[in-house]
């Protein structure tokens, strides 16, 4: 097992965190962070879905079929790259969230 050295200020904050043990407190903080980041991803993804009227997979397929008007404009290319990144991050965070929740349940 790895030992983690923390500044006193962080230790004081951990005392306020939810959980019975230090392990529980850190797990809960990590879980909370992932949920917050996942929420941000979902909000941004929904913004793109509203803007383009489709999900990313549909947008990507339409892009490849040259069905996106002005697809090489700065705005649309930027949206594509950000949306793709958010879609990947969403999947990664969701996977991490499931894994952590499963680990917590099996404790």
C-alpha atoms as a PDB file:
ATOM      1  CA  UNK A   1       0.000   0.000   0.000  1.00  0.00           C
ATOM      2  CA  UNK A   2       1.185   3.486  -0.836  1.00  0.00           C
ATOM      3  CA  UNK A   3       1.550   6.173   1.838  1.00  0.00           C
ATOM      4  CA  UNK A   4       0.234   9.605   1.029  1.00  0.00           C
ATOM      5  CA  UNK A   5       1.653  12.689   2.729  1.00  0.00           C
ATOM      6  CA  UNK A   6      -0.769  15.593   2.936  1.00  0.00           C
ATOM      7  CA  UNK A   7      -0.322  19.187   4.073  1.00  0.00           C
ATOM      8  CA  UNK A   8      -2.015  19.998   7.401  1.00  0.00           C
ATOM      9  CA  UNK A   9      -4.483  22.287   5.621  1.00  0.00           C
ATOM     10  CA  UNK A  10      -5.703  19.370   3.499  1.00  0.00           C
ATOM     11  CA  UNK A  11      -5.928  17.122   6.569  1.00  0.00           C
ATOM     12  CA  UNK A  12      -8.128  19.718   8.276  1.00  0.00           C
ATOM     13  CA  UNK A  13     -10.437  19.841   5.257  1.00  0.00           C
ATOM     14  CA  UNK A  14     -10.589  16.038   5.123  1.00  0.00           C
ATOM     15  CA  UNK A  15     -11.907  16.060   8.693  1.00  0.00           C
ATOM     16  CA  UNK A  16     -14.990  17.865   7.331  1.00  0.00           C
ATOM     17  CA  UNK A  17     -15.483  15.440   4.441  1.00  0.00           C
ATOM     18  CA  UNK A  18     -18.228  12.840   4.565  1.00  0.00           C
ATOM     19  CA  UNK A  19     -17.121   9.346   5.553  1.00  0.00           C
ATOM     20  CA  UNK A  20     -16.231   7.239   8.575  1.00  0.00           C
ATOM     21  CA  UNK A  21     -12.613   6.559   7.644  1.00  0.00           C
ATOM     22  CA  UNK A  22      -9.959   8.398   5.688  1.00  0.00           C
ATOM     23  CA  UNK A  23     -10.449   5.884   2.867  1.00  0.00           C
ATOM     24  CA  UNK A  24     -14.206   6.595   2.836  1.00  0.00           C
ATOM     25  CA  UNK A  25     -13.614  10.348   2.850  1.00  0.00           C
ATOM     26  CA  UNK A  26     -11.193  10.236  -0.080  1.00  0.00           C
ATOM     27  CA  UNK A  27     -13.460   7.855  -2.015  1.00  0.00           C
ATOM     28  CA  UNK A  28     -16.426  10.175  -1.474  1.00  0.00           C
ATOM     29  CA  UNK A  29     -14.437  13.222  -2.578  1.00  0.00           C
ATOM     30  CA  UNK A  30     -13.250  11.460  -5.741  1.00  0.00           C
ATOM     31  CA  UNK A  31     -16.774  10.253  -6.429  1.00  0.00           C
ATOM     32  CA  UNK A  32     -18.119  13.773  -5.973  1.00  0.00           C
ATOM     33  CA  UNK A  33     -15.485  15.189  -8.336  1.00  0.00           C
ATOM     34  CA  UNK A  34     -16.282  12.654 -11.042  1.00  0.00           C
ATOM     35  CA  UNK A  35     -20.020  13.334 -10.697  1.00  0.00           C
ATOM     36  CA  UNK A  36     -19.412  17.077 -10.994  1.00  0.00           C
ATOM     37  CA  UNK A  37     -17.234  16.668 -14.090  1.00  0.00           C
ATOM     38  CA  UNK A  38     -19.760  14.253 -15.597  1.00  0.00           C
ATOM     39  CA  UNK A  39     -22.513  16.800 -15.006  1.00  0.00           C
ATOM     40  CA  UNK A  40     -20.494  19.458 -16.831  1.00  0.00           C
ATOM     41  CA  UNK A  41     -19.956  17.090 -19.776  1.00  0.00           C
ATOM     42  CA  UNK A  42     -23.662  16.299 -19.962  1.00  0.00           C
ATOM     43  CA  UNK A  43     -24.581  19.999 -19.930  1.00  0.00           C
ATOM     44  CA  UNK A  44     -22.146  20.841 -22.735  1.00  0.00           C
ATOM     45  CA  UNK A  45     -23.176  17.786 -24.778  1.00  0.00           C
ATOM     46  CA  UNK A  46     -26.831  18.815 -24.446  1.00  0.00           C
ATOM     47  CA  UNK A  47     -25.901  22.308 -25.656  1.00  0.00           C
ATOM     48  CA  UNK A  48     -24.404  20.795 -28.822  1.00  0.00           C
ATOM     49  CA  UNK A  49     -27.342  18.431 -29.288  1.00  0.00           C
ATOM     50  CA  UNK A  50     -29.747  21.387 -29.088  1.00  0.00           C
ATOM     51  CA  UNK A  51     -27.604  23.463 -31.449  1.00  0.00           C
ATOM     52  CA  UNK A  52     -27.349  20.768 -34.131  1.00  0.00           C
ATOM     53  CA  UNK A  53     -30.532  18.767 -33.459  1.00  0.00           C
ATOM     54  CA  UNK A  54     -28.727  15.427 -33.169  1.00  0.00           C
ATOM     55  CA  UNK A  55     -26.352  13.474 -30.952  1.00  0.00           C
ATOM     56  CA  UNK A  56     -22.611  13.323 -31.622  1.00  0.00           C
ATOM     57  CA  UNK A  57     -22.690   9.979 -33.440  1.00  0.00           C
ATOM     58  CA  UNK A  58     -25.334  11.312 -35.839  1.00  0.00           C
ATOM     59  CA  UNK A  59     -23.375  14.542 -36.260  1.00  0.00           C
ATOM     60  CA  UNK A  60     -20.168  12.630 -36.992  1.00  0.00           C
ATOM     61  CA  UNK A  61     -21.928  10.453 -39.576  1.00  0.00           C
ATOM     62  CA  UNK A  62     -23.494  13.521 -41.216  1.00  0.00           C
ATOM     63  CA  UNK A  63     -20.053  15.172 -41.189  1.00  0.00           C
ATOM     64  CA  UNK A  64     -18.504  12.204 -42.983  1.00  0.00           C
ATOM     65  CA  UNK A  65     -21.298  12.277 -45.588  1.00  0.00           C
ATOM     66  CA  UNK A  66     -20.678  16.051 -46.120  1.00  0.00           C
ATOM     67  CA  UNK A  67     -24.190  16.835 -44.872  1.00  0.00           C
ATOM     68  CA  UNK A  68     -23.091  19.532 -42.401  1.00  0.00           C
ATOM     69  CA  UNK A  69     -23.337  22.932 -44.104  1.00  0.00           C
ATOM     70  CA  UNK A  70     -20.167  24.974 -43.612  1.00  0.00           C
ATOM     71  CA  UNK A  71     -18.451  22.103 -41.879  1.00  0.00           C
ATOM     72  CA  UNK A  72     -15.015  23.621 -42.466  1.00  0.00           C
ATOM     73  CA  UNK A  73     -15.904  26.925 -40.822  1.00  0.00           C
ATOM     74  CA  UNK A  74     -13.934  27.700 -37.677  1.00  0.00           C
ATOM     75  CA  UNK A  75     -17.046  27.531 -35.480  1.00  0.00           C
ATOM     76  CA  UNK A  76     -18.260  24.164 -36.722  1.00  0.00           C
ATOM     77  CA  UNK A  77     -14.821  22.538 -36.755  1.00  0.00           C
ATOM     78  CA  UNK A  78     -14.246  23.824 -33.220  1.00  0.00           C
ATOM     79  CA  UNK A  79     -17.648  22.484 -32.129  1.00  0.00           C
ATOM     80  CA  UNK A  80     -16.834  19.104 -33.688  1.00  0.00           C
ATOM     81  CA  UNK A  81     -13.525  18.831 -31.821  1.00  0.00           C
ATOM     82  CA  UNK A  82     -14.970  19.971 -28.496  1.00  0.00           C
ATOM     83  CA  UNK A  83     -18.044  17.761 -28.833  1.00  0.00           C
ATOM     84  CA  UNK A  84     -15.919  14.737 -29.717  1.00  0.00           C
ATOM     85  CA  UNK A  85     -13.688  15.400 -26.723  1.00  0.00           C
ATOM     86  CA  UNK A  86     -16.690  15.797 -24.419  1.00  0.00           C
ATOM     87  CA  UNK A  87     -18.211  12.587 -25.752  1.00  0.00           C
ATOM     88  CA  UNK A  88     -14.976  10.687 -25.028  1.00  0.00           C
ATOM     89  CA  UNK A  89     -14.609  12.299 -21.593  1.00  0.00           C
ATOM     90  CA  UNK A  90     -18.235  11.472 -20.775  1.00  0.00           C
ATOM     91  CA  UNK A  91     -17.661   7.793 -21.570  1.00  0.00           C
ATOM     92  CA  UNK A  92     -14.441   7.703 -19.531  1.00  0.00           C
ATOM     93  CA  UNK A  93     -15.984   9.442 -16.509  1.00  0.00           C
ATOM     94  CA  UNK A  94     -19.049   7.210 -16.633  1.00  0.00           C
ATOM     95  CA  UNK A  95     -16.814   4.144 -16.687  1.00  0.00           C
ATOM     96  CA  UNK A  96     -14.793   5.457 -13.735  1.00  0.00           C
ATOM     97  CA  UNK A  97     -17.960   6.312 -11.817  1.00  0.00           C
ATOM     98  CA  UNK A  98     -19.353   2.805 -12.289  1.00  0.00           C
ATOM     99  CA  UNK A  99     -16.047   1.255 -11.217  1.00  0.00           C
ATOM    100  CA  UNK A 100     -15.769   3.365  -8.070  1.00  0.00           C
ATOM    101  CA  UNK A 101     -19.385   2.727  -7.091  1.00  0.00           C
ATOM    102  CA  UNK A 102     -18.889  -0.994  -7.611  1.00  0.00           C
ATOM    103  CA  UNK A 103     -15.706  -0.925  -5.511  1.00  0.00           C
ATOM    104  CA  UNK A 104     -17.541   0.922  -2.729  1.00  0.00           C
ATOM    105  CA  UNK A 105     -20.428  -1.586  -2.800  1.00  0.00           C
ATOM    106  CA  UNK A 106     -18.037  -4.540  -2.494  1.00  0.00           C
ATOM    107  CA  UNK A 107     -16.184  -3.153   0.495  1.00  0.00           C
END
